Amino acid sequence: MEQILVSAAPRRREEPSRRGFGKPRGHRFHPPADPGLAGDVQPARHRRRSALVLIVDDAAPTRELYAEYLTFRGLGVVGAPDAETGLVLARTLRPDVIVMDLAMPRLNGIVATQRLKHDSRTRRIPVIVLTGYAFHAIEQGALEAGAEVFLTKPCLPEDLELKIRGLLGTRA
């Protein structure tokens, strides 16, 4: 059973650890409140002190890498291990930005993005598609599905943060 990674932004920034960006002091992992929703996962309660980013990716190391970096940079982060859970979390938490992988089991990122953009509760949430498929046709399909940004892996966390902050700056 896989857990969702939920992180709240730290109140003050600390210097990175010697092993890279590391966890700032005071970083807390908030486990799911009650396993039972959408594949034994339910979102934890999240205080909206900072922008909230939902990372939907079936690769746990990818979710954890970006979540750790973005949390250190002052953003709140929630991770979902598949698109179905991501849709539930998007409707429940209404994040400020969604980072969506394309190739996932059961429901792919294109279909999930289309569903987000056709739902009145989530249609205004910007979607960044982050995938290992660097084909023009796939990029075109993602943008036609409603994604605002298309990025390919490997993607530096700094580059992802720049795109997220750009979308946060353009939100009304």
Protein backbone atom coordinates (compact mmCIF):
# COMPACT_ATOMS: atom_id res chain seq x y z
CA MET A 1 0.00 0.00 0.00
CA GLU A 2 1.56 3.28 -1.09
CA GLN A 3 1.17 6.48 0.90
CA ILE A 4 0.69 10.01 -0.34
CA LEU A 5 3.45 12.45 0.43
CA VAL A 6 2.04 15.60 1.96
CA SER A 7 4.34 18.40 3.00
CA ALA A 8 3.69 21.83 4.36
CA ALA A 9 6.08 24.63 3.58
CA PRO A 10 8.49 25.41 6.41
CA ARG A 11 7.93 28.65 8.30
CA ARG A 12 11.47 29.79 7.75
CA ARG A 13 14.09 28.63 5.35
CA GLU A 14 17.13 26.81 6.57
CA GLU A 15 20.30 26.11 4.70
CA PRO A 16 20.37 22.88 2.70
CA SER A 17 21.98 19.83 4.22
CA ARG A 18 25.32 18.56 2.95
CA ARG A 19 23.60 15.90 0.86
CA GLY A 20 21.94 18.35 -1.53
CA PHE A 21 18.86 20.39 -0.83
CA GLY A 22 17.84 18.10 2.06
CA LYS A 23 15.04 18.58 4.53
CA PRO A 24 14.95 21.91 6.32
CA ARG A 25 14.76 21.75 10.10
CA GLY A 26 11.19 21.64 11.27
CA HIS A 27 10.08 19.73 8.13
CA ARG A 28 7.20 17.48 8.99
CA PHE A 29 5.75 14.60 7.06
CA HIS A 30 1.98 14.50 7.39
CA PRO A 31 0.73 10.98 6.70
CA PRO A 32 -2.73 10.39 5.27
CA ALA A 33 -5.48 10.89 7.85
CA ASP A 34 -7.53 7.81 7.07
CA PRO A 35 -6.59 5.13 4.55
CA GLY A 36 -9.75 4.28 2.69
CA LEU A 37 -10.31 6.81 -0.08
CA ALA A 38 -9.36 6.09 -3.70
CA GLY A 39 -6.99 3.16 -3.55
CA ASP A 40 -6.49 3.21 0.22
CA VAL A 41 -5.40 6.83 0.21
CA GLN A 42 -7.03 9.93 1.65
CA PRO A 43 -5.56 13.43 1.65
CA ALA A 44 -4.33 14.84 4.92
CA ARG A 45 -5.65 18.21 6.02
CA HIS A 46 -3.45 20.90 4.62
CA ARG A 47 -3.12 24.44 5.89
CA ARG A 48 -3.04 26.81 2.94
CA ARG A 49 -0.22 29.11 4.07
CA SER A 50 1.58 28.76 0.75
CA ALA A 51 0.72 27.70 -2.76
CA LEU A 52 -0.17 24.01 -3.03
CA VAL A 53 1.30 21.83 -5.78
CA LEU A 54 -0.15 18.38 -6.57
CA ILE A 55 2.40 16.02 -8.13
CA VAL A 56 0.78 13.07 -9.92
CA ASP A 57 3.38 10.47 -10.90
CA ASP A 58 3.50 6.70 -10.48
CA ALA A 59 7.27 6.81 -9.82
CA ALA A 60 7.75 7.40 -6.09
CA PRO A 61 11.36 8.63 -6.46
CA THR A 62 10.21 11.31 -8.92
CA ARG A 63 7.41 12.48 -6.63
CA GLU A 64 9.72 12.54 -3.64
CA LEU A 65 12.52 14.41 -5.44
CA TYR A 66 10.27 17.22 -6.63
CA ALA A 67 8.26 17.30 -3.38
CA GLU A 68 11.39 17.63 -1.30
CA TYR A 69 12.80 20.42 -3.44
CA LEU A 70 9.55 22.38 -3.80
CA THR A 71 8.84 22.09 -0.08
CA PHE A 72 12.29 23.43 0.71
CA ARG A 73 11.57 26.31 -1.68
CA GLY A 74 8.46 27.26 0.29
CA LEU A 75 5.63 25.52 -1.54
CA GLY A 76 3.13 23.05 -0.11
CA VAL A 77 3.22 19.70 -1.91
CA VAL A 78 0.88 16.72 -2.14
CA GLY A 79 1.81 13.61 -4.13
CA ALA A 80 -0.47 11.08 -5.80
CA PRO A 81 0.74 7.67 -7.02
CA ASP A 82 -1.69 7.47 -9.95
CA ALA A 83 -4.04 9.63 -12.02
CA GLU A 84 -7.21 8.37 -10.35
CA THR A 85 -5.95 9.40 -6.92
CA GLY A 86 -4.71 12.64 -8.44
CA LEU A 87 -8.20 13.46 -9.71
CA VAL A 88 -9.71 12.84 -6.27
CA LEU A 89 -7.06 15.01 -4.60
CA ALA A 90 -7.49 17.76 -7.18
CA ARG A 91 -11.24 17.91 -6.53
CA THR A 92 -10.79 17.72 -2.76
CA LEU A 93 -7.80 20.00 -2.16
CA ARG A 94 -8.05 22.30 -5.19
CA PRO A 95 -4.28 22.80 -5.52
CA ASP A 96 -2.83 25.89 -7.15
CA VAL A 97 -0.88 23.88 -9.76
CA ILE A 98 -0.89 20.23 -10.84
CA VAL A 99 2.23 18.47 -12.17
CA MET A 100 1.03 15.47 -14.20
CA ASP A 101 3.00 12.52 -15.58
CA LEU A 102 1.63 10.96 -18.77
CA ALA A 103 2.47 7.26 -18.63
CA MET A 104 0.68 5.81 -15.61
CA PRO A 105 -1.24 2.58 -15.06
CA ARG A 106 -5.02 2.45 -15.59
CA LEU A 107 -5.50 6.14 -16.45
CA ASN A 108 -2.94 8.16 -18.39
CA GLY A 109 -2.09 11.82 -17.85
CA ILE A 110 -3.77 13.03 -21.06
CA VAL A 111 -7.15 11.59 -20.06
CA ALA A 112 -6.70 12.83 -16.49
CA THR A 113 -5.91 16.34 -17.76
CA GLN A 114 -9.00 16.28 -19.99
CA ARG A 115 -11.14 15.26 -17.01
CA LEU A 116 -9.66 18.06 -14.89
CA LYS A 117 -10.37 20.64 -17.59
CA HIS A 118 -13.96 19.43 -18.08
CA ASP A 119 -14.77 19.55 -14.36
CA SER A 120 -16.08 22.91 -13.09
CA ARG A 121 -14.24 22.38 -9.76
CA THR A 122 -10.81 21.93 -11.35
CA ARG A 123 -10.88 23.50 -14.81
CA ARG A 124 -9.00 26.64 -13.73
CA ILE A 125 -6.13 24.76 -12.08
CA PRO A 126 -3.06 25.00 -14.33
CA VAL A 127 -1.55 21.66 -15.36
CA ILE A 128 2.11 21.06 -16.11
CA VAL A 129 2.69 17.83 -17.99
CA LEU A 130 6.05 16.34 -17.01
CA THR A 131 6.93 13.26 -19.02
CA GLY A 132 9.80 11.23 -20.43
CA TYR A 133 8.19 11.26 -23.88
CA ALA A 134 9.76 14.08 -25.89
CA PHE A 135 7.73 13.71 -29.08
CA HIS A 136 6.06 16.67 -30.73
CA ALA A 137 2.80 14.73 -31.22
CA ILE A 138 2.63 13.90 -27.51
CA GLU A 139 3.33 17.53 -26.59
CA GLN A 140 0.58 18.65 -28.96
CA GLY A 141 -1.85 16.13 -27.44
CA ALA A 142 -1.06 17.28 -23.91
CA LEU A 143 -1.60 20.93 -24.82
CA GLU A 144 -4.83 20.11 -26.65
CA ALA A 145 -6.02 18.23 -23.55
CA GLY A 146 -5.66 21.48 -21.62
CA ALA A 147 -2.15 21.46 -20.14
CA GLU A 148 -0.60 24.90 -19.87
CA VAL A 149 3.03 23.69 -19.87
CA PHE A 150 4.80 20.65 -21.34
CA LEU A 151 8.15 19.59 -19.83
CA THR A 152 10.27 16.53 -20.51
CA LYS A 153 12.19 14.41 -18.04
CA PRO A 154 14.85 14.66 -16.92
CA CYS A 155 13.81 18.07 -15.66
CA LEU A 156 15.81 19.96 -13.08
CA PRO A 157 13.75 20.80 -9.99
CA GLU A 158 14.75 24.44 -10.47
CA ASP A 159 13.22 24.46 -13.96
CA LEU A 160 9.99 22.93 -12.67
CA GLU A 161 9.85 25.51 -9.89
CA LEU A 162 10.29 28.35 -12.43
CA LYS A 163 7.32 27.06 -14.46
CA ILE A 164 5.20 26.63 -11.32
CA ARG A 165 5.98 30.12 -10.07
CA GLY A 166 5.28 31.53 -13.54
CA LEU A 167 1.83 29.95 -13.49
CA LEU A 168 1.20 31.12 -9.94
CA GLY A 169 2.08 34.66 -10.99
CA THR A 170 -0.42 34.61 -13.85
CA ARG A 171 -3.36 33.31 -11.81
CA ALA A 172 -6.16 35.76 -11.22
